[in-house]
PDB file of N, CA and C in Angstrom:
ATOM      1  N   MET A   1       0.366  -1.529  -0.051  1.00  0.00           N
ATOM      2  CA  MET A   1      -0.165  -0.004   0.015  1.00  0.00           C
ATOM      3  C   MET A   1       1.065   1.255  -0.053  1.00  0.00           C
ATOM      4  N   GLY A   2       1.848   1.148   1.010  1.00  0.00           N
ATOM      5  CA  GLY A   2       2.605   2.991   0.627  1.00  0.00           C
ATOM      6  C   GLY A   2       3.314   2.242  -0.117  1.00  0.00           C
ATOM      7  N   SER A   3       4.183   1.448  -1.016  1.00  0.00           N
ATOM      8  CA  SER A   3       5.112   1.983  -2.655  1.00  0.00           C
ATOM      9  C   SER A   3       4.059   1.938  -3.444  1.00  0.00           C
ATOM     10  N   PHE A   4       4.417   2.566  -4.400  1.00  0.00           N
ATOM     11  CA  PHE A   4       4.197   3.243  -5.871  1.00  0.00           C
ATOM     12  C   PHE A   4       4.009   1.640  -6.773  1.00  0.00           C
ATOM     13  N   SER A   5       3.567   1.334  -7.951  1.00  0.00           N
ATOM     14  CA  SER A   5       4.382   0.658  -8.977  1.00  0.00           C
ATOM     15  C   SER A   5       5.369   1.043 -10.173  1.00  0.00           C
ATOM     16  N   ILE A   6       5.425   0.323 -11.044  1.00  0.00           N
ATOM     17  CA  ILE A   6       6.257   1.183 -12.230  1.00  0.00           C
ATOM     18  C   ILE A   6       5.179   1.837 -12.649  1.00  0.00           C
ATOM     19  N   TRP A   7       3.951   1.812 -12.613  1.00  0.00           N
ATOM     20  CA  TRP A   7       3.443   2.206 -14.719  1.00  0.00           C
ATOM     21  C   TRP A   7       2.781   3.167 -13.243  1.00  0.00           C
ATOM     22  N   HIS A   8       2.280   3.860 -12.492  1.00  0.00           N
ATOM     23  CA  HIS A   8       2.849   5.113 -11.214  1.00  0.00           C
ATOM     24  C   HIS A   8       3.850   5.852 -11.499  1.00  0.00           C
ATOM     25  N   TRP A   9       4.983   5.269 -11.688  1.00  0.00           N
ATOM     26  CA  TRP A   9       6.306   5.880 -12.114  1.00  0.00           C
ATOM     27  C   TRP A   9       6.889   6.922 -12.896  1.00  0.00           C
ATOM     28  N   LEU A  10       5.785   5.704 -14.483  1.00  0.00           N
ATOM     29  CA  LEU A  10       5.884   6.192 -15.482  1.00  0.00           C
ATOM     30  C   LEU A  10       4.952   7.041 -15.885  1.00  0.00           C
ATOM     31  N   ILE A  11       3.732   7.101 -15.281  1.00  0.00           N
ATOM     32  CA  ILE A  11       2.390   8.346 -15.395  1.00  0.00           C
ATOM     33  C   ILE A  11       2.573   9.699 -14.446  1.00  0.00           C
ATOM     34  N   VAL A  12       3.454   9.750 -13.647  1.00  0.00           N
ATOM     35  CA  VAL A  12       4.184  10.928 -13.083  1.00  0.00           C
ATOM     36  C   VAL A  12       5.645  11.545 -14.026  1.00  0.00           C
ATOM     37  N   LEU A  13       6.938  10.672 -14.583  1.00  0.00           N
ATOM     38  CA  LEU A  13       7.410  11.252 -15.733  1.00  0.00           C
ATOM     39  C   LEU A  13       6.943  11.867 -16.676  1.00  0.00           C
ATOM     40  N   LEU A  14       5.640  11.172 -17.322  1.00  0.00           N
ATOM     41  CA  LEU A  14       4.983  11.160 -18.235  1.00  0.00           C
ATOM     42  C   LEU A  14       4.439  13.137 -17.753  1.00  0.00           C
ATOM     43  N   ILE A  15       4.034  13.163 -16.513  1.00  0.00           N
ATOM     44  CA  ILE A  15       3.091  14.981 -16.576  1.00  0.00           C
ATOM     45  C   ILE A  15       4.194  15.737 -16.295  1.00  0.00           C
ATOM     46  N   VAL A  16       5.943  14.619 -16.060  1.00  0.00           N
ATOM     47  CA  VAL A  16       6.756  16.091 -15.660  1.00  0.00           C
ATOM     48  C   VAL A  16       7.592  16.228 -17.035  1.00  0.00           C
ATOM     49  N   VAL A  17       7.662  15.993 -17.799  1.00  0.00           N
ATOM     50  CA  VAL A  17       7.815  15.430 -18.869  1.00  0.00           C
ATOM     51  C   VAL A  17       7.139  16.750 -19.851  1.00  0.00           C
ATOM     52  N   MET A  18       5.925  16.423 -19.960  1.00  0.00           N
ATOM     53  CA  MET A  18       4.887  17.089 -20.414  1.00  0.00           C
ATOM     54  C   MET A  18       5.094  18.659 -19.781  1.00  0.00           C
ATOM     55  N   VAL A  19       4.690  18.748 -18.530  1.00  0.00           N
ATOM     56  CA  VAL A  19       4.703  20.283 -17.282  1.00  0.00           C
ATOM     57  C   VAL A  19       6.337  21.517 -18.606  1.00  0.00           C
ATOM     58  N   PHE A  20       7.242  20.095 -18.023  1.00  0.00           N
ATOM     59  CA  PHE A  20       8.459  21.287 -18.540  1.00  0.00           C
ATOM     60  C   PHE A  20       9.141  20.854 -19.588  1.00  0.00           C
ATOM     61  N   GLY A  21       9.088  19.779 -20.182  1.00  0.00           N
ATOM     62  CA  GLY A  21       9.767  19.588 -21.846  1.00  0.00           C
ATOM     63  C   GLY A  21      10.957  19.145 -21.112  1.00  0.00           C
ATOM     64  N   THR A  22      11.095  18.405 -21.774  1.00  0.00           N
ATOM     65  CA  THR A  22      13.242  18.184 -22.467  1.00  0.00           C
ATOM     66  C   THR A  22      13.643  18.227 -22.631  1.00  0.00           C
ATOM     67  N   LYS A  23      13.740  19.653 -23.211  1.00  0.00           N
ATOM     68  CA  LYS A  23      14.770  20.695 -23.568  1.00  0.00           C
ATOM     69  C   LYS A  23      15.281  21.508 -21.719  1.00  0.00           C
ATOM     70  N   LYS A  24      13.987  21.927 -21.287  1.00  0.00           N
ATOM     71  CA  LYS A  24      14.577  22.051 -20.065  1.00  0.00           C
ATOM     72  C   LYS A  24      14.680  21.296 -18.626  1.00  0.00           C
ATOM     73  N   LEU A  25      14.655  19.567 -18.723  1.00  0.00           N
ATOM     74  CA  LEU A  25      15.006  19.080 -17.824  1.00  0.00           C
ATOM     75  C   LEU A  25      16.349  18.530 -17.701  1.00  0.00           C
ATOM     76  N   ARG A  26      16.483  18.669 -19.417  1.00  0.00           N
ATOM     77  CA  ARG A  26      17.128  18.172 -20.057  1.00  0.00           C
ATOM     78  C   ARG A  26      18.858  19.224 -18.678  1.00  0.00           C
ATOM     79  N   ASN A  27      18.280  20.699 -19.676  1.00  0.00           N
ATOM     80  CA  ASN A  27      19.433  21.463 -18.975  1.00  0.00           C
ATOM     81  C   ASN A  27      18.943  21.745 -17.760  1.00  0.00           C
ATOM     82  N   MET A  28      17.690  21.320 -16.661  1.00  0.00           N
ATOM     83  CA  MET A  28      18.345  21.941 -15.076  1.00  0.00           C
ATOM     84  C   MET A  28      18.981  20.141 -14.575  1.00  0.00           C
ATOM     85  N   GLY A  29      18.709  19.051 -15.088  1.00  0.00           N
ATOM     86  CA  GLY A  29      19.913  17.849 -14.644  1.00  0.00           C
ATOM     87  C   GLY A  29      21.291  18.317 -15.359  1.00  0.00           C
ATOM     88  N   GLY A  30      22.123  18.632 -16.268  1.00  0.00           N
ATOM     89  CA  GLY A  30      23.221  19.853 -16.356  1.00  0.00           C
ATOM     90  C   GLY A  30      23.766  20.297 -15.162  1.00  0.00           C
ATOM     91  N   ASP A  31      22.016  20.853 -15.237  1.00  0.00           N
ATOM     92  CA  ASP A  31      23.176  21.989 -13.988  1.00  0.00           C
ATOM     93  C   ASP A  31      23.408  21.769 -12.891  1.00  0.00           C
ATOM     94  N   LEU A  32      22.178  21.127 -12.256  1.00  0.00           N
ATOM     95  CA  LEU A  32      22.449  20.161 -11.041  1.00  0.00           C
ATOM     96  C   LEU A  32      23.953  19.271 -10.956  1.00  0.00           C
ATOM     97  N   GLY A  33      24.211  18.677 -12.247  1.00  0.00           N
ATOM     98  CA  GLY A  33      25.535  17.269 -12.689  1.00  0.00           C
ATOM     99  C   GLY A  33      26.652  18.786 -12.163  1.00  0.00           C
ATOM    100  N   GLY A  34      26.902  19.687 -12.457  1.00  0.00           N
ATOM    101  CA  GLY A  34      27.606  20.699 -12.260  1.00  0.00           C
ATOM    102  C   GLY A  34      27.945  21.100 -11.024  1.00  0.00           C
ATOM    103  N   ALA A  35      26.809  21.348 -10.051  1.00  0.00           N
ATOM    104  CA  ALA A  35      26.932  22.409  -8.922  1.00  0.00           C
ATOM    105  C   ALA A  35      27.066  21.092  -8.429  1.00  0.00           C
ATOM    106  N   VAL A  36      27.550  19.751  -8.589  1.00  0.00           N
ATOM    107  CA  VAL A  36      28.086  18.516  -7.733  1.00  0.00           C
ATOM    108  C   VAL A  36      29.201  18.467  -8.022  1.00  0.00           C
ATOM    109  N   LYS A  37      29.489  18.372  -9.086  1.00  0.00           N
ATOM    110  CA  LYS A  37      30.796  18.084  -8.936  1.00  0.00           C
ATOM    111  C   LYS A  37      31.998  19.456  -8.469  1.00  0.00           C
ATOM    112  N   GLY A  38      30.759  20.940  -8.625  1.00  0.00           N
ATOM    113  CA  GLY A  38      31.843  22.298  -8.123  1.00  0.00           C
ATOM    114  C   GLY A  38      31.598  21.639  -6.633  1.00  0.00           C
ATOM    115  N   PHE A  39      30.718  21.204  -6.172  1.00  0.00           N
ATOM    116  CA  PHE A  39      30.666  20.494  -4.968  1.00  0.00           C
ATOM    117  C   PHE A  39      32.165  19.891  -4.378  1.00  0.00           C
ATOM    118  N   LYS A  40      31.998  19.677  -4.845  1.00  0.00           N
ATOM    119  CA  LYS A  40      32.932  17.933  -4.789  1.00  0.00           C
ATOM    120  C   LYS A  40      34.811  17.969  -4.575  1.00  0.00           C
ATOM    121  N   ASP A  41      34.581  19.280  -5.518  1.00  0.00           N
ATOM    122  CA  ASP A  41      35.841  19.797  -6.364  1.00  0.00           C
ATOM    123  C   ASP A  41      36.452  20.533  -4.994  1.00  0.00           C
ATOM    124  N   GLY A  42      35.334  21.345  -4.351  1.00  0.00           N
ATOM    125  CA  GLY A  42      35.434  22.520  -3.130  1.00  0.00           C
ATOM    126  C   GLY A  42      35.303  21.821  -1.737  1.00  0.00           C
ATOM    127  N   MET A  43      35.210  20.265  -1.929  1.00  0.00           N
ATOM    128  CA  MET A  43      35.890  19.556  -0.360  1.00  0.00           C
ATOM    129  C   MET A  43      36.732  18.817  -0.484  1.00  0.00           C
ATOM    130  N   LYS A  44      37.024  18.981  -2.182  1.00  0.00           N
ATOM    131  CA  LYS A  44      39.168  18.214  -1.969  1.00  0.00           C
ATOM    132  C   LYS A  44      39.588  19.305  -1.685  1.00  0.00           C
ATOM    133  N   GLU A  45      39.371  20.534  -2.332  1.00  0.00           N
ATOM    134  CA  GLU A  45      40.328  22.119  -2.081  1.00  0.00           C
ATOM    135  C   GLU A  45      40.150  22.192  -0.644  1.00  0.00           C
ATOM    136  N   GLY A  46      39.280  22.342  -0.296  1.00  0.00           N
ATOM    137  CA  GLY A  46      39.070  23.043   1.549  1.00  0.00           C
ATOM    138  C   GLY A  46      40.369  22.362   2.516  1.00  0.00           C
ATOM    139  N   GLY A  47      40.524  21.228   2.196  1.00  0.00           N
ATOM    140  CA  GLY A  47      41.213  19.991   3.337  1.00  0.00           C
ATOM    141  C   GLY A  47      42.722  21.047   2.413  1.00  0.00           C
ATOM    142  N   GLN A  48      43.438  21.560   1.909  1.00  0.00           N
ATOM    143  CA  GLN A  48      45.059  21.602   1.348  1.00  0.00           C
ATOM    144  C   GLN A  48      44.219  22.780   1.356  1.00  0.00           C
ATOM    145  N   PRO A  49      45.134  23.665   2.024  1.00  0.00           N
ATOM    146  CA  PRO A  49      45.070  25.150   1.404  1.00  0.00           C
ATOM    147  C   PRO A  49      46.210  25.502   0.772  1.00  0.00           C
ATOM    148  N   ALA A  50      46.092  26.348  -0.040  1.00  0.00           N
ATOM    149  CA  ALA A  50      47.467  26.928  -1.258  1.00  0.00           C
ATOM    150  C   ALA A  50      48.741  28.087  -0.492  1.00  0.00           C
ATOM    151  N   ALA A  51      49.891  27.757  -0.918  1.00  0.00           N
ATOM    152  CA  ALA A  51      51.123  28.630  -0.809  1.00  0.00           C
ATOM    153  C   ALA A  51      50.461  30.324  -0.680  1.00  0.00           C
ATOM    154  N   ASP A  52      48.780  30.488  -1.593  1.00  0.00           N
ATOM    155  CA  ASP A  52      48.832  31.878  -2.745  1.00  0.00           C
ATOM    156  C   ASP A  52      47.975  32.324  -1.409  1.00  0.00           C
ATOM    157  N   ASP A  53      46.656  30.878  -0.731  1.00  0.00           N
ATOM    158  CA  ASP A  53      45.771  31.355   0.120  1.00  0.00           C
ATOM    159  C   ASP A  53      46.321  32.579   1.654  1.00  0.00           C
ATOM    160  N   ARG A  54      47.339  32.689   1.566  1.00  0.00           N
ATOM    161  CA  ARG A  54      47.297  32.650   2.793  1.00  0.00           C
ATOM    162  C   ARG A  54      48.032  33.910   2.855  1.00  0.00           C
ATOM    163  N   PRO A  55      47.068  34.489   4.416  1.00  0.00           N
ATOM    164  CA  PRO A  55      46.945  36.073   4.153  1.00  0.00           C
ATOM    165  C   PRO A  55      48.232  36.999   4.293  1.00  0.00           C
ATOM    166  N   ALA A  56      48.235  38.098   3.349  1.00  0.00           N
ATOM    167  CA  ALA A  56      50.023  38.387   3.914  1.00  0.00           C
ATOM    168  C   ALA A  56      49.991  39.410   4.610  1.00  0.00           C
ATOM    169  N   ALA A  57      50.438  39.729   5.616  1.00  0.00           N
ATOM    170  CA  ALA A  57      50.747  40.827   6.846  1.00  0.00           C
ATOM    171  C   ALA A  57      50.385  43.023   6.236  1.00  0.00           C
ATOM    172  N   ALA A  58      49.381  42.811   6.425  1.00  0.00           N
ATOM    173  CA  ALA A  58      49.232  44.722   5.911  1.00  0.00           C
ATOM    174  C   ALA A  58      49.955  44.941   6.168  1.00  0.00           C
ATOM    175  N   PRO A  59      49.807  46.059   5.805  1.00  0.00           N
ATOM    176  CA  PRO A  59      50.460  47.262   6.234  1.00  0.00           C
ATOM    177  C   PRO A  59      50.320  48.159   7.749  1.00  0.00           C
ATOM    178  N   GLY A  60      51.905  48.338   7.667  1.00  0.00           N
ATOM    179  CA  GLY A  60      52.292  48.525   8.925  1.00  0.00           C
ATOM    180  C   GLY A  60      52.198  47.701  10.337  1.00  0.00           C
ATOM    181  N   GLN A  61      52.117  45.906   9.687  1.00  0.00           N
ATOM    182  CA  GLN A  61      52.121  44.858  10.750  1.00  0.00           C
ATOM    183  C   GLN A  61      53.357  44.281  10.491  1.00  0.00           C
ATOM    184  N   VAL A  62      54.390  43.546  11.395  1.00  0.00           N
ATOM    185  CA  VAL A  62      55.583  42.796  11.472  1.00  0.00           C
ATOM    186  C   VAL A  62      55.477  41.640  11.643  1.00  0.00           C
ATOM    187  N   ALA A  63      55.767  40.364  11.081  1.00  0.00           N
ATOM    188  CA  ALA A  63      55.315  38.913  11.035  1.00  0.00           C
ATOM    189  C   ALA A  63      56.250  38.448  12.024  1.00  0.00           C
ATOM    190  N   ASN A  64      55.907  37.775  13.257  1.00  0.00           N
ATOM    191  CA  ASN A  64      56.980  37.097  13.902  1.00  0.00           C
ATOM    192  C   ASN A  64      57.683  36.172  13.374  1.00  0.00           C
ATOM    193  N   SER A  65      59.191  36.888  12.390  1.00  0.00           N
ATOM    194  CA  SER A  65      60.440  36.217  12.180  1.00  0.00           C
ATOM    195  C   SER A  65      60.447  34.497  13.068  1.00  0.00           C
ATOM    196  N   SER A  66      60.445  34.809  14.527  1.00  0.00           N
ATOM    197  CA  SER A  66      61.019  33.106  15.649  1.00  0.00           C
ATOM    198  C   SER A  66      60.078  31.874  14.274  1.00  0.00           C
ATOM    199  N   GLN A  67      58.287  32.569  14.875  1.00  0.00           N
ATOM    200  CA  GLN A  67      57.567  31.555  13.933  1.00  0.00           C
ATOM    201  C   GLN A  67      57.658  30.612  12.588  1.00  0.00           C
ATOM    202  N   SER A  68      57.307  29.565  12.620  1.00  0.00           N
ATOM    203  CA  SER A  68      56.933  28.525  11.369  1.00  0.00           C
ATOM    204  C   SER A  68      56.288  29.162  10.570  1.00  0.00           C
ATOM    205  N   ALA A  69      56.322  29.106   9.219  1.00  0.00           N
ATOM    206  CA  ALA A  69      56.076  28.859   7.737  1.00  0.00           C
ATOM    207  C   ALA A  69      55.127  28.696   7.447  1.00  0.00           C
ATOM    208  N   ASP A  70      54.072  28.025   8.474  1.00  0.00           N
ATOM    209  CA  ASP A  70      52.642  27.144   7.968  1.00  0.00           C
ATOM    210  C   ASP A  70      51.669  28.115   8.285  1.00  0.00           C
ATOM    211  N   LYS A  71      51.992  28.772  10.018  1.00  0.00           N
ATOM    212  CA  LYS A  71      51.264  29.423  11.059  1.00  0.00           C
ATOM    213  C   LYS A  71      50.734  31.072  10.338  1.00  0.00           C
ATOM    214  N   THR A  72      49.420  31.087  10.546  1.00  0.00           N
ATOM    215  CA  THR A  72      49.598  32.471  10.155  1.00  0.00           C
ATOM    216  C   THR A  72      48.652  33.401  10.713  1.00  0.00           C
ATOM    217  N   THR A  73      49.137  32.623  12.235  1.00  0.00           N
ATOM    218  CA  THR A  73      48.861  34.367  13.107  1.00  0.00           C
ATOM    219  C   THR A  73      49.738  35.738  13.019  1.00  0.00           C
ATOM    220  N   ILE A  74      49.911  36.278  13.236  1.00  0.00           N
ATOM    221  CA  ILE A  74      50.434  37.881  13.282  1.00  0.00           C
ATOM    222  C   ILE A  74      50.800  38.645  14.707  1.00  0.00           C
ATOM    223  N   ASP A  75      52.181  38.460  14.831  1.00  0.00           N
ATOM    224  CA  ASP A  75      52.716  39.235  16.636  1.00  0.00           C
ATOM    225  C   ASP A  75      52.949  41.151  15.909  1.00  0.00           C
ATOM    226  N   VAL A  76      51.387  41.381  16.528  1.00  0.00           N
ATOM    227  CA  VAL A  76      52.378  42.979  16.177  1.00  0.00           C
ATOM    228  C   VAL A  76      52.366  43.539  17.360  1.00  0.00           C
ATOM    229  N   GLU A  77      52.989  44.818  17.772  1.00  0.00           N
ATOM    230  CA  GLU A  77      52.694  45.669  19.196  1.00  0.00           C
ATOM    231  C   GLU A  77      51.899  46.741  18.780  1.00  0.00           C
ATOM    232  N   ALA A  78      50.929  47.399  19.858  1.00  0.00           N
ATOM    233  CA  ALA A  78      50.267  48.108  19.603  1.00  0.00           C
ATOM    234  C   ALA A  78      50.862  49.827  20.197  1.00  0.00           C
ATOM    235  N   ARG A  79      50.387  50.210  20.154  1.00  0.00           N
ATOM    236  CA  ARG A  79      51.417  51.967  19.738  1.00  0.00           C
ATOM    237  C   ARG A  79      50.398  52.944  20.104  1.00  0.00           C
ATOM    238  N   GLN A  80      50.565  53.884  20.833  1.00  0.00           N
ATOM    239  CA  GLN A  80      49.425  54.840  21.186  1.00  0.00           C
ATOM    240  C   GLN A  80      50.133  56.140  20.505  1.00  0.00           C
ATOM    241  N   LYS A  81      49.116  56.512  19.986  1.00  0.00           N
ATOM    242  CA  LYS A  81      49.768  57.930  19.092  1.00  0.00           C
ATOM    243  C   LYS A  81      49.743  59.104  19.800  1.00  0.00           C
ATOM    244  N   SER A  82      51.180  60.420  19.604  1.00  0.00           N
ATOM    245  CA  SER A  82      51.195  61.057  20.838  1.00  0.00           C
ATOM    246  C   SER A  82      50.900  62.616  20.743  1.00  0.00           C
TER     247      SER A  82
END
């Protein structure tokens, strides 16, 4: 009672094709596939930070030279204007 037969799914598919048309369904399928591929690529790149993605020190700030190169913490000294 809870599951549909193959005939129910074929009728639903026929109605969807009639409403949207094959070209629009093909475009939506391609867009969905591209989005999934982009998401997977983003997940692969997200775990591996690239050397170019490291933030540079802002003007007027000096990074501590004793820290290792893979850390992104910047030590600065605050001075008051007189």
